[in-house]
Amino acid sequence: MIFIVVKFQVKPDWSERWLGLVDDFTKATREEPGNLWFDWSRSVDDPHEFVLVEAFQDDAAGDHVNSAHFKQAMADMPQALAETPRIISRQLDGDGWDRMGELTI
């Protein structure tokens, strides 16, 4: 799978509106064939930082970045961003989350 984490630093006046701005993009991406997850979180240390954790089956990531909703999101997001997003993108073995061995419930 392709595992991606992106950090978005948004302008302070967009912090409360960010999730609304990316809502259509989020919904459309979650409906894509091959999307495993697409989950937003907000930093507990910085209210203007949002973190996106996403994963795709190996052959689905290309379709994602070539989709109309991805292109629209790339056009919509810059107005709200304070800086270029930071990303980690890696191909990993597996197709989902594993259980944590150090903490079993």
PDB file of N, CA and C in Angstrom:
ATOM      1  N   MET A   1       0.833  -1.186   0.000  1.00  0.00           N
ATOM      2  CA  MET A   1       0.000   0.000   0.000  1.00  0.00           C
ATOM      3  C   MET A   1       0.870   1.240   0.000  1.00  0.00           C
ATOM      4  N   ILE A   2       0.285   2.344  -0.441  1.00  0.00           N
ATOM      5  CA  ILE A   2       0.943   3.649  -0.370  1.00  0.00           C
ATOM      6  C   ILE A   2       0.403   4.335   0.887  1.00  0.00           C
ATOM      7  N   PHE A   3       1.287   4.676   1.814  1.00  0.00           N
ATOM      8  CA  PHE A   3       0.932   5.305   3.085  1.00  0.00           C
ATOM      9  C   PHE A   3       1.447   6.734   3.063  1.00  0.00           C
ATOM     10  N   ILE A   4       0.565   7.694   3.328  1.00  0.00           N
ATOM     11  CA  ILE A   4       0.901   9.102   3.201  1.00  0.00           C
ATOM     12  C   ILE A   4       0.462   9.862   4.448  1.00  0.00           C
ATOM     13  N   VAL A   5       1.327  10.734   4.934  1.00  0.00           N
ATOM     14  CA  VAL A   5       0.990  11.663   6.006  1.00  0.00           C
ATOM     15  C   VAL A   5       1.368  13.058   5.527  1.00  0.00           C
ATOM     16  N   VAL A   6       0.410  13.976   5.610  1.00  0.00           N
ATOM     17  CA  VAL A   6       0.651  15.349   5.168  1.00  0.00           C
ATOM     18  C   VAL A   6       0.290  16.303   6.306  1.00  0.00           C
ATOM     19  N   LYS A   7       1.172  17.258   6.586  1.00  0.00           N
ATOM     20  CA  LYS A   7       0.896  18.299   7.573  1.00  0.00           C
ATOM     21  C   LYS A   7       0.596  19.596   6.853  1.00  0.00           C
ATOM     22  N   PHE A   8      -0.554  20.184   7.179  1.00  0.00           N
ATOM     23  CA  PHE A   8      -1.007  21.432   6.578  1.00  0.00           C
ATOM     24  C   PHE A   8      -1.005  22.519   7.648  1.00  0.00           C
ATOM     25  N   GLN A   9      -0.214  23.565   7.439  1.00  0.00           N
ATOM     26  CA  GLN A   9      -0.209  24.730   8.320  1.00  0.00           C
ATOM     27  C   GLN A   9      -1.139  25.761   7.700  1.00  0.00           C
ATOM     28  N   VAL A  10      -2.282  26.003   8.341  1.00  0.00           N
ATOM     29  CA  VAL A  10      -3.261  26.910   7.759  1.00  0.00           C
ATOM     30  C   VAL A  10      -3.163  28.294   8.398  1.00  0.00           C
ATOM     31  N   LYS A  11      -3.626  29.279   7.652  1.00  0.00           N
ATOM     32  CA  LYS A  11      -3.672  30.640   8.181  1.00  0.00           C
ATOM     33  C   LYS A  11      -4.643  30.673   9.359  1.00  0.00           C
ATOM     34  N   PRO A  12      -4.348  31.446  10.413  1.00  0.00           N
ATOM     35  CA  PRO A  12      -5.219  31.464  11.595  1.00  0.00           C
ATOM     36  C   PRO A  12      -6.687  31.732  11.285  1.00  0.00           C
ATOM     37  N   ASP A  13      -6.971  32.605  10.309  1.00  0.00           N
ATOM     38  CA  ASP A  13      -8.373  32.898  10.010  1.00  0.00           C
ATOM     39  C   ASP A  13      -9.067  31.764   9.250  1.00  0.00           C
ATOM     40  N   TRP A  14      -8.325  30.718   8.877  1.00  0.00           N
ATOM     41  CA  TRP A  14      -8.897  29.551   8.212  1.00  0.00           C
ATOM     42  C   TRP A  14      -8.994  28.330   9.131  1.00  0.00           C
ATOM     43  N   SER A  15      -8.456  28.408  10.314  1.00  0.00           N
ATOM     44  CA  SER A  15      -8.405  27.232  11.192  1.00  0.00           C
ATOM     45  C   SER A  15      -9.766  26.610  11.466  1.00  0.00           C
ATOM     46  N   GLU A  16     -10.766  27.431  11.671  1.00  0.00           N
ATOM     47  CA  GLU A  16     -12.104  26.903  11.960  1.00  0.00           C
ATOM     48  C   GLU A  16     -12.875  26.549  10.686  1.00  0.00           C
ATOM     49  N   ARG A  17     -12.360  26.950   9.538  1.00  0.00           N
ATOM     50  CA  ARG A  17     -13.029  26.691   8.262  1.00  0.00           C
ATOM     51  C   ARG A  17     -12.342  25.623   7.426  1.00  0.00           C
ATOM     52  N   TRP A  18     -11.173  25.170   7.849  1.00  0.00           N
ATOM     53  CA  TRP A  18     -10.375  24.247   7.042  1.00  0.00           C
ATOM     54  C   TRP A  18     -11.136  22.967   6.692  1.00  0.00           C
ATOM     55  N   LEU A  19     -11.722  22.314   7.676  1.00  0.00           N
ATOM     56  CA  LEU A  19     -12.406  21.048   7.409  1.00  0.00           C
ATOM     57  C   LEU A  19     -13.581  21.233   6.461  1.00  0.00           C
ATOM     58  N   GLY A  20     -14.226  22.375   6.502  1.00  0.00           N
ATOM     59  CA  GLY A  20     -15.280  22.676   5.537  1.00  0.00           C
ATOM     60  C   GLY A  20     -14.722  22.844   4.137  1.00  0.00           C
ATOM     61  N   LEU A  21     -13.563  23.482   4.035  1.00  0.00           N
ATOM     62  CA  LEU A  21     -12.927  23.687   2.739  1.00  0.00           C
ATOM     63  C   LEU A  21     -12.576  22.359   2.076  1.00  0.00           C
ATOM     64  N   VAL A  22     -12.128  21.397   2.856  1.00  0.00           N
ATOM     65  CA  VAL A  22     -11.680  20.115   2.296  1.00  0.00           C
ATOM     66  C   VAL A  22     -12.746  19.021   2.368  1.00  0.00           C
ATOM     67  N   ASP A  23     -13.965  19.364   2.756  1.00  0.00           N
ATOM     68  CA  ASP A  23     -15.013  18.357   2.939  1.00  0.00           C
ATOM     69  C   ASP A  23     -15.351  17.608   1.650  1.00  0.00           C
ATOM     70  N   ASP A  24     -15.589  18.304   0.560  1.00  0.00           N
ATOM     71  CA  ASP A  24     -15.923  17.618  -0.699  1.00  0.00           C
ATOM     72  C   ASP A  24     -14.769  16.737  -1.161  1.00  0.00           C
ATOM     73  N   PHE A  25     -13.559  17.249  -1.046  1.00  0.00           N
ATOM     74  CA  PHE A  25     -12.357  16.481  -1.396  1.00  0.00           C
ATOM     75  C   PHE A  25     -12.263  15.210  -0.552  1.00  0.00           C
ATOM     76  N   THR A  26     -12.509  15.351   0.739  1.00  0.00           N
ATOM     77  CA  THR A  26     -12.439  14.206   1.645  1.00  0.00           C
ATOM     78  C   THR A  26     -13.477  13.157   1.270  1.00  0.00           C
ATOM     79  N   LYS A  27     -14.709  13.574   1.086  1.00  0.00           N
ATOM     80  CA  LYS A  27     -15.781  12.632   0.743  1.00  0.00           C
ATOM     81  C   LYS A  27     -15.509  11.929  -0.576  1.00  0.00           C
ATOM     82  N   ALA A  28     -15.093  12.673  -1.582  1.00  0.00           N
ATOM     83  CA  ALA A  28     -14.830  12.074  -2.897  1.00  0.00           C
ATOM     84  C   ALA A  28     -13.659  11.092  -2.835  1.00  0.00           C
ATOM     85  N   THR A  29     -12.611  11.438  -2.098  1.00  0.00           N
ATOM     86  CA  THR A  29     -11.454  10.554  -1.982  1.00  0.00           C
ATOM     87  C   THR A  29     -11.832   9.269  -1.263  1.00  0.00           C
ATOM     88  N   ARG A  30     -12.618   9.355  -0.209  1.00  0.00           N
ATOM     89  CA  ARG A  30     -13.030   8.157   0.525  1.00  0.00           C
ATOM     90  C   ARG A  30     -13.866   7.214  -0.327  1.00  0.00           C
ATOM     91  N   GLU A  31     -14.495   7.738  -1.370  1.00  0.00           N
ATOM     92  CA  GLU A  31     -15.301   6.906  -2.271  1.00  0.00           C
ATOM     93  C   GLU A  31     -14.496   6.304  -3.420  1.00  0.00           C
ATOM     94  N   GLU A  32     -13.244   6.700  -3.567  1.00  0.00           N
ATOM     95  CA  GLU A  32     -12.413   6.178  -4.656  1.00  0.00           C
ATOM     96  C   GLU A  32     -12.147   4.688  -4.474  1.00  0.00           C
ATOM     97  N   PRO A  33     -12.204   3.928  -5.568  1.00  0.00           N
ATOM     98  CA  PRO A  33     -11.747   2.530  -5.481  1.00  0.00           C
ATOM     99  C   PRO A  33     -10.266   2.529  -5.095  1.00  0.00           C
ATOM    100  N   GLY A  34      -9.897   1.693  -4.175  1.00  0.00           N
ATOM    101  CA  GLY A  34      -8.502   1.602  -3.767  1.00  0.00           C
ATOM    102  C   GLY A  34      -8.108   2.506  -2.620  1.00  0.00           C
ATOM    103  N   ASN A  35      -9.003   3.408  -2.188  1.00  0.00           N
ATOM    104  CA  ASN A  35      -8.688   4.215  -1.009  1.00  0.00           C
ATOM    105  C   ASN A  35      -8.921   3.347   0.224  1.00  0.00           C
ATOM    106  N   LEU A  36      -7.927   3.265   1.079  1.00  0.00           N
ATOM    107  CA  LEU A  36      -8.037   2.478   2.307  1.00  0.00           C
ATOM    108  C   LEU A  36      -8.500   3.336   3.473  1.00  0.00           C
ATOM    109  N   TRP A  37      -7.993   4.552   3.570  1.00  0.00           N
ATOM    110  CA  TRP A  37      -8.477   5.530   4.541  1.00  0.00           C
ATOM    111  C   TRP A  37      -7.969   6.912   4.175  1.00  0.00           C
ATOM    112  N   PHE A  38      -8.660   7.907   4.715  1.00  0.00           N
ATOM    113  CA  PHE A  38      -8.359   9.311   4.446  1.00  0.00           C
ATOM    114  C   PHE A  38      -8.878  10.073   5.650  1.00  0.00           C
ATOM    115  N   ASP A  39      -8.011  10.256   6.661  1.00  0.00           N
ATOM    116  CA  ASP A  39      -8.433  10.741   7.973  1.00  0.00           C
ATOM    117  C   ASP A  39      -7.697  12.013   8.375  1.00  0.00           C
ATOM    118  N   TRP A  40      -8.476  13.024   8.755  1.00  0.00           N
ATOM    119  CA  TRP A  40      -7.939  14.303   9.220  1.00  0.00           C
ATOM    120  C   TRP A  40      -7.846  14.327  10.736  1.00  0.00           C
ATOM    121  N   SER A  41      -6.798  14.958  11.246  1.00  0.00           N
ATOM    122  CA  SER A  41      -6.647  15.235  12.677  1.00  0.00           C
ATOM    123  C   SER A  41      -6.136  16.662  12.817  1.00  0.00           C
ATOM    124  N   ARG A  42      -6.337  17.197  14.015  1.00  0.00           N
ATOM    125  CA  ARG A  42      -5.839  18.543  14.317  1.00  0.00           C
ATOM    126  C   ARG A  42      -4.809  18.424  15.426  1.00  0.00           C
ATOM    127  N   SER A  43      -3.719  19.123  15.272  1.00  0.00           N
ATOM    128  CA  SER A  43      -2.655  19.079  16.266  1.00  0.00           C
ATOM    129  C   SER A  43      -3.160  19.550  17.627  1.00  0.00           C
ATOM    130  N   VAL A  44      -2.753  18.866  18.685  1.00  0.00           N
ATOM    131  CA  VAL A  44      -3.104  19.303  20.041  1.00  0.00           C
ATOM    132  C   VAL A  44      -2.175  20.420  20.507  1.00  0.00           C
ATOM    133  N   ASP A  45      -1.053  20.620  19.813  1.00  0.00           N
ATOM    134  CA  ASP A  45      -0.089  21.657  20.179  1.00  0.00           C
ATOM    135  C   ASP A  45      -0.247  22.937  19.365  1.00  0.00           C
ATOM    136  N   ASP A  46      -0.782  22.817  18.154  1.00  0.00           N
ATOM    137  CA  ASP A  46      -0.896  23.972  17.256  1.00  0.00           C
ATOM    138  C   ASP A  46      -2.277  23.937  16.600  1.00  0.00           C
ATOM    139  N   PRO A  47      -3.179  24.813  16.985  1.00  0.00           N
ATOM    140  CA  PRO A  47      -4.543  24.780  16.448  1.00  0.00           C
ATOM    141  C   PRO A  47      -4.630  25.121  14.958  1.00  0.00           C
ATOM    142  N   HIS A  48      -3.521  25.522  14.372  1.00  0.00           N
ATOM    143  CA  HIS A  48      -3.510  25.874  12.952  1.00  0.00           C
ATOM    144  C   HIS A  48      -2.863  24.790  12.096  1.00  0.00           C
ATOM    145  N   GLU A  49      -2.539  23.650  12.709  1.00  0.00           N
ATOM    146  CA  GLU A  49      -1.934  22.540  11.960  1.00  0.00           C
ATOM    147  C   GLU A  49      -2.914  21.376  11.895  1.00  0.00           C
ATOM    148  N   PHE A  50      -3.152  20.914  10.665  1.00  0.00           N
ATOM    149  CA  PHE A  50      -3.994  19.754  10.418  1.00  0.00           C
ATOM    150  C   PHE A  50      -3.135  18.662   9.804  1.00  0.00           C
ATOM    151  N   VAL A  51      -3.413  17.425  10.189  1.00  0.00           N
ATOM    152  CA  VAL A  51      -2.637  16.290   9.707  1.00  0.00           C
ATOM    153  C   VAL A  51      -3.576  15.338   8.977  1.00  0.00           C
ATOM    154  N   LEU A  52      -3.198  14.968   7.786  1.00  0.00           N
ATOM    155  CA  LEU A  52      -3.959  14.034   6.974  1.00  0.00           C
ATOM    156  C   LEU A  52      -3.193  12.727   6.901  1.00  0.00           C
ATOM    157  N   VAL A  53      -3.832  11.637   7.312  1.00  0.00           N
ATOM    158  CA  VAL A  53      -3.259  10.300   7.213  1.00  0.00           C
ATOM    159  C   VAL A  53      -4.098   9.553   6.181  1.00  0.00           C
ATOM    160  N   GLU A  54      -3.444   9.111   5.125  1.00  0.00           N
ATOM    161  CA  GLU A  54      -4.170   8.463   4.036  1.00  0.00           C
ATOM    162  C   GLU A  54      -3.408   7.244   3.533  1.00  0.00           C
ATOM    163  N   ALA A  55      -4.154   6.326   2.926  1.00  0.00           N
ATOM    164  CA  ALA A  55      -3.533   5.141   2.352  1.00  0.00           C
ATOM    165  C   ALA A  55      -4.353   4.671   1.158  1.00  0.00           C
ATOM    166  N   PHE A  56      -3.629   4.117   0.199  1.00  0.00           N
ATOM    167  CA  PHE A  56      -4.236   3.611  -1.033  1.00  0.00           C
ATOM    168  C   PHE A  56      -3.625   2.269  -1.383  1.00  0.00           C
ATOM    169  N   GLN A  57      -4.411   1.439  -2.031  1.00  0.00           N
ATOM    170  CA  GLN A  57      -3.823   0.247  -2.623  1.00  0.00           C
ATOM    171  C   GLN A  57      -2.784   0.722  -3.627  1.00  0.00           C
ATOM    172  N   ASP A  58      -1.760  -0.081  -3.844  1.00  0.00           N
ATOM    173  CA  ASP A  58      -0.613   0.337  -4.661  1.00  0.00           C
ATOM    174  C   ASP A  58      -0.994   0.963  -5.995  1.00  0.00           C
ATOM    175  N   ASP A  59      -1.971   0.422  -6.659  1.00  0.00           N
ATOM    176  CA  ASP A  59      -2.296   0.885  -8.001  1.00  0.00           C
ATOM    177  C   ASP A  59      -3.324   2.021  -8.012  1.00  0.00           C
ATOM    178  N   ALA A  60      -3.767   2.487  -6.851  1.00  0.00           N
ATOM    179  CA  ALA A  60      -4.833   3.494  -6.794  1.00  0.00           C
ATOM    180  C   ALA A  60      -4.327   4.922  -6.581  1.00  0.00           C
ATOM    181  N   ALA A  61      -3.114   5.095  -6.134  1.00  0.00           N
ATOM    182  CA  ALA A  61      -2.619   6.433  -5.821  1.00  0.00           C
ATOM    183  C   ALA A  61      -2.530   7.313  -7.072  1.00  0.00           C
ATOM    184  N   GLY A  62      -2.164   6.739  -8.198  1.00  0.00           N
ATOM    185  CA  GLY A  62      -2.080   7.504  -9.438  1.00  0.00           C
ATOM    186  C   GLY A  62      -3.428   8.040  -9.868  1.00  0.00           C
ATOM    187  N   ASP A  63      -4.454   7.194  -9.759  1.00  0.00           N
ATOM    188  CA  ASP A  63      -5.806   7.640 -10.095  1.00  0.00           C
ATOM    189  C   ASP A  63      -6.247   8.773  -9.171  1.00  0.00           C
ATOM    190  N   HIS A  64      -5.834   8.697  -7.911  1.00  0.00           N
ATOM    191  CA  HIS A  64      -6.198   9.731  -6.935  1.00  0.00           C
ATOM    192  C   HIS A  64      -5.656  11.093  -7.362  1.00  0.00           C
ATOM    193  N   VAL A  65      -4.362  11.169  -7.643  1.00  0.00           N
ATOM    194  CA  VAL A  65      -3.770  12.468  -7.967  1.00  0.00           C
ATOM    195  C   VAL A  65      -4.183  12.980  -9.350  1.00  0.00           C
ATOM    196  N   ASN A  66      -4.754  12.114 -10.157  1.00  0.00           N
ATOM    197  CA  ASN A  66      -5.235  12.532 -11.470  1.00  0.00           C
ATOM    198  C   ASN A  66      -6.740  12.799 -11.491  1.00  0.00           C
ATOM    199  N   SER A  67      -7.393  12.673 -10.345  1.00  0.00           N
ATOM    200  CA  SER A  67      -8.840  12.855 -10.277  1.00  0.00           C
ATOM    201  C   SER A  67      -9.212  14.346 -10.319  1.00  0.00           C
ATOM    202  N   ALA A  68     -10.437  14.610 -10.746  1.00  0.00           N
ATOM    203  CA  ALA A  68     -10.928  15.995 -10.798  1.00  0.00           C
ATOM    204  C   ALA A  68     -11.001  16.598  -9.401  1.00  0.00           C
ATOM    205  N   HIS A  69     -11.414  15.802  -8.399  1.00  0.00           N
ATOM    206  CA  HIS A  69     -11.532  16.360  -7.042  1.00  0.00           C
ATOM    207  C   HIS A  69     -10.165  16.665  -6.430  1.00  0.00           C
ATOM    208  N   PHE A  70      -9.133  15.915  -6.795  1.00  0.00           N
ATOM    209  CA  PHE A  70      -7.784  16.234  -6.321  1.00  0.00           C
ATOM    210  C   PHE A  70      -7.323  17.558  -6.944  1.00  0.00           C
ATOM    211  N   LYS A  71      -7.519  17.676  -8.241  1.00  0.00           N
ATOM    212  CA  LYS A  71      -7.111  18.910  -8.918  1.00  0.00           C
ATOM    213  C   LYS A  71      -7.869  20.115  -8.367  1.00  0.00           C
ATOM    214  N   GLN A  72      -9.151  19.935  -8.058  1.00  0.00           N
ATOM    215  CA  GLN A  72      -9.933  21.034  -7.487  1.00  0.00           C
ATOM    216  C   GLN A  72      -9.411  21.400  -6.096  1.00  0.00           C
ATOM    217  N   ALA A  73      -9.083  20.383  -5.291  1.00  0.00           N
ATOM    218  CA  ALA A  73      -8.544  20.636  -3.949  1.00  0.00           C
ATOM    219  C   ALA A  73      -7.216  21.388  -4.026  1.00  0.00           C
ATOM    220  N   MET A  74      -6.371  21.046  -4.999  1.00  0.00           N
ATOM    221  CA  MET A  74      -5.089  21.737  -5.152  1.00  0.00           C
ATOM    222  C   MET A  74      -5.307  23.199  -5.549  1.00  0.00           C
ATOM    223  N   ALA A  75      -6.405  23.483  -6.210  1.00  0.00           N
ATOM    224  CA  ALA A  75      -6.731  24.866  -6.568  1.00  0.00           C
ATOM    225  C   ALA A  75      -7.358  25.613  -5.393  1.00  0.00           C
ATOM    226  N   ASP A  76      -8.127  24.915  -4.551  1.00  0.00           N
ATOM    227  CA  ASP A  76      -8.837  25.535  -3.431  1.00  0.00           C
ATOM    228  C   ASP A  76      -7.960  25.775  -2.201  1.00  0.00           C
ATOM    229  N   MET A  77      -7.048  24.870  -1.918  1.00  0.00           N
ATOM    230  CA  MET A  77      -6.291  24.904  -0.666  1.00  0.00           C
ATOM    231  C   MET A  77      -5.343  26.088  -0.492  1.00  0.00           C
ATOM    232  N   PRO A  78      -4.625  26.536  -1.520  1.00  0.00           N
ATOM    233  CA  PRO A  78      -3.602  27.567  -1.296  1.00  0.00           C
ATOM    234  C   PRO A  78      -4.100  28.823  -0.586  1.00  0.00           C
ATOM    235  N   GLN A  79      -5.326  29.247  -0.826  1.00  0.00           N
ATOM    236  CA  GLN A  79      -5.851  30.445  -0.182  1.00  0.00           C
ATOM    237  C   GLN A  79      -5.842  30.339   1.345  1.00  0.00           C
ATOM    238  N   ALA A  80      -5.892  29.118   1.867  1.00  0.00           N
ATOM    239  CA  ALA A  80      -5.988  28.906   3.306  1.00  0.00           C
ATOM    240  C   ALA A  80      -4.662  28.519   3.953  1.00  0.00           C
ATOM    241  N   LEU A  81      -3.639  28.280   3.154  1.00  0.00           N
ATOM    242  CA  LEU A  81      -2.377  27.763   3.687  1.00  0.00           C
ATOM    243  C   LEU A  81      -1.378  28.864   4.010  1.00  0.00           C
ATOM    244  N   ALA A  82      -0.671  28.664   5.121  1.00  0.00           N
ATOM    245  CA  ALA A  82       0.380  29.589   5.540  1.00  0.00           C
ATOM    246  C   ALA A  82       1.731  29.207   4.942  1.00  0.00           C
ATOM    247  N   GLU A  83       1.876  27.948   4.531  1.00  0.00           N
ATOM    248  CA  GLU A  83       3.131  27.463   3.959  1.00  0.00           C
ATOM    249  C   GLU A  83       2.849  26.207   3.146  1.00  0.00           C
ATOM    250  N   THR A  84       3.848  25.779   2.387  1.00  0.00           N
ATOM    251  CA  THR A  84       3.739  24.547   1.609  1.00  0.00           C
ATOM    252  C   THR A  84       3.584  23.356   2.558  1.00  0.00           C
ATOM    253  N   PRO A  85       2.606  22.485   2.317  1.00  0.00           N
ATOM    254  CA  PRO A  85       2.437  21.315   3.186  1.00  0.00           C
ATOM    255  C   PRO A  85       3.686  20.429   3.179  1.00  0.00           C
ATOM    256  N   ARG A  86       3.874  19.734   4.296  1.00  0.00           N
ATOM    257  CA  ARG A  86       4.979  18.787   4.447  1.00  0.00           C
ATOM    258  C   ARG A  86       4.412  17.378   4.339  1.00  0.00           C
ATOM    259  N   ILE A  87       5.103  16.482   3.623  1.00  0.00           N
ATOM    260  CA  ILE A  87       4.559  15.167   3.316  1.00  0.00           C
ATOM    261  C   ILE A  87       5.589  14.067   3.520  1.00  0.00           C
ATOM    262  N   ILE A  88       5.093  12.917   3.941  1.00  0.00           N
ATOM    263  CA  ILE A  88       5.838  11.662   3.920  1.00  0.00           C
ATOM    264  C   ILE A  88       4.975  10.696   3.128  1.00  0.00           C
ATOM    265  N   SER A  89       5.540  10.094   2.087  1.00  0.00           N
ATOM    266  CA  SER A  89       4.814   9.144   1.252  1.00  0.00           C
ATOM    267  C   SER A  89       5.705   7.929   1.038  1.00  0.00           C
ATOM    268  N   ARG A  90       5.218   6.767   1.459  1.00  0.00           N
ATOM    269  CA  ARG A  90       6.024   5.550   1.369  1.00  0.00           C
ATOM    270  C   ARG A  90       5.167   4.379   0.909  1.00  0.00           C
ATOM    271  N   GLN A  91       5.791   3.487   0.187  1.00  0.00           N
ATOM    272  CA  GLN A  91       5.136   2.233  -0.163  1.00  0.00           C
ATOM    273  C   GLN A  91       5.479   1.222   0.934  1.00  0.00           C
ATOM    274  N   LEU A  92       4.452   0.585   1.476  1.00  0.00           N
ATOM    275  CA  LEU A  92       4.626  -0.350   2.582  1.00  0.00           C
ATOM    276  C   LEU A  92       3.996  -1.693   2.245  1.00  0.00           C
ATOM    277  N   ASP A  93       4.527  -2.750   2.829  1.00  0.00           N
ATOM    278  CA  ASP A  93       3.860  -4.045   2.732  1.00  0.00           C
ATOM    279  C   ASP A  93       2.624  -4.011   3.612  1.00  0.00           C
ATOM    280  N   GLY A  94       1.580  -4.681   3.182  1.00  0.00           N
ATOM    281  CA  GLY A  94       0.362  -4.754   3.978  1.00  0.00           C
ATOM    282  C   GLY A  94      -0.784  -4.047   3.289  1.00  0.00           C
ATOM    283  N   ASP A  95      -1.947  -4.155   3.907  1.00  0.00           N
ATOM    284  CA  ASP A  95      -3.143  -3.546   3.324  1.00  0.00           C
ATOM    285  C   ASP A  95      -4.029  -2.904   4.381  1.00  0.00           C
ATOM    286  N   GLY A  96      -3.445  -2.638   5.561  1.00  0.00           N
ATOM    287  CA  GLY A  96      -4.220  -1.994   6.610  1.00  0.00           C
ATOM    288  C   GLY A  96      -3.408  -1.849   7.880  1.00  0.00           C
ATOM    289  N   TRP A  97      -4.103  -1.425   8.925  1.00  0.00           N
ATOM    290  CA  TRP A  97      -3.464  -1.214  10.225  1.00  0.00           C
ATOM    291  C   TRP A  97      -3.173  -2.550  10.894  1.00  0.00           C
ATOM    292  N   ASP A  98      -2.009  -2.659  11.529  1.00  0.00           N
ATOM    293  CA  ASP A  98      -1.659  -3.820  12.341  1.00  0.00           C
ATOM    294  C   ASP A  98      -1.991  -3.516  13.799  1.00  0.00           C
ATOM    295  N   ARG A  99      -2.089  -4.531  14.605  1.00  0.00           N
ATOM    296  CA  ARG A  99      -2.290  -4.348  16.044  1.00  0.00           C
ATOM    297  C   ARG A  99      -0.956  -4.027  16.698  1.00  0.00           C
ATOM    298  N   MET A 100      -0.969  -3.165  17.697  1.00  0.00           N
ATOM    299  CA  MET A 100       0.233  -2.775  18.411  1.00  0.00           C
ATOM    300  C   MET A 100       0.632  -3.889  19.377  1.00  0.00           C
ATOM    301  N   GLY A 101       1.815  -4.448  19.176  1.00  0.00           N
ATOM    302  CA  GLY A 101       2.274  -5.566  19.998  1.00  0.00           C
ATOM    303  C   GLY A 101       2.642  -5.160  21.422  1.00  0.00           C
ATOM    304  N   GLU A 102       3.063  -3.927  21.618  1.00  0.00           N
ATOM    305  CA  GLU A 102       3.505  -3.472  22.940  1.00  0.00           C
ATOM    306  C   GLU A 102       2.359  -3.140  23.873  1.00  0.00           C
ATOM    307  N   LEU A 103       1.157  -3.016  23.338  1.00  0.00           N
ATOM    308  CA  LEU A 103       0.001  -2.653  24.158  1.00  0.00           C
ATOM    309  C   LEU A 103      -1.201  -3.413  23.639  1.00  0.00           C
ATOM    310  N   THR A 104      -1.512  -4.507  24.307  1.00  0.00           N
ATOM    311  CA  THR A 104      -2.601  -5.365  23.867  1.00  0.00           C
ATOM    312  C   THR A 104      -3.754  -5.275  24.859  1.00  0.00           C
ATOM    313  N   ILE A 105      -4.939  -5.035  24.343  1.00  0.00           N
ATOM    314  CA  ILE A 105      -6.136  -4.952  25.175  1.00  0.00           C
ATOM    315  C   ILE A 105      -7.015  -6.163  24.868  1.00  0.00           C
TER     316      ILE A 105
END
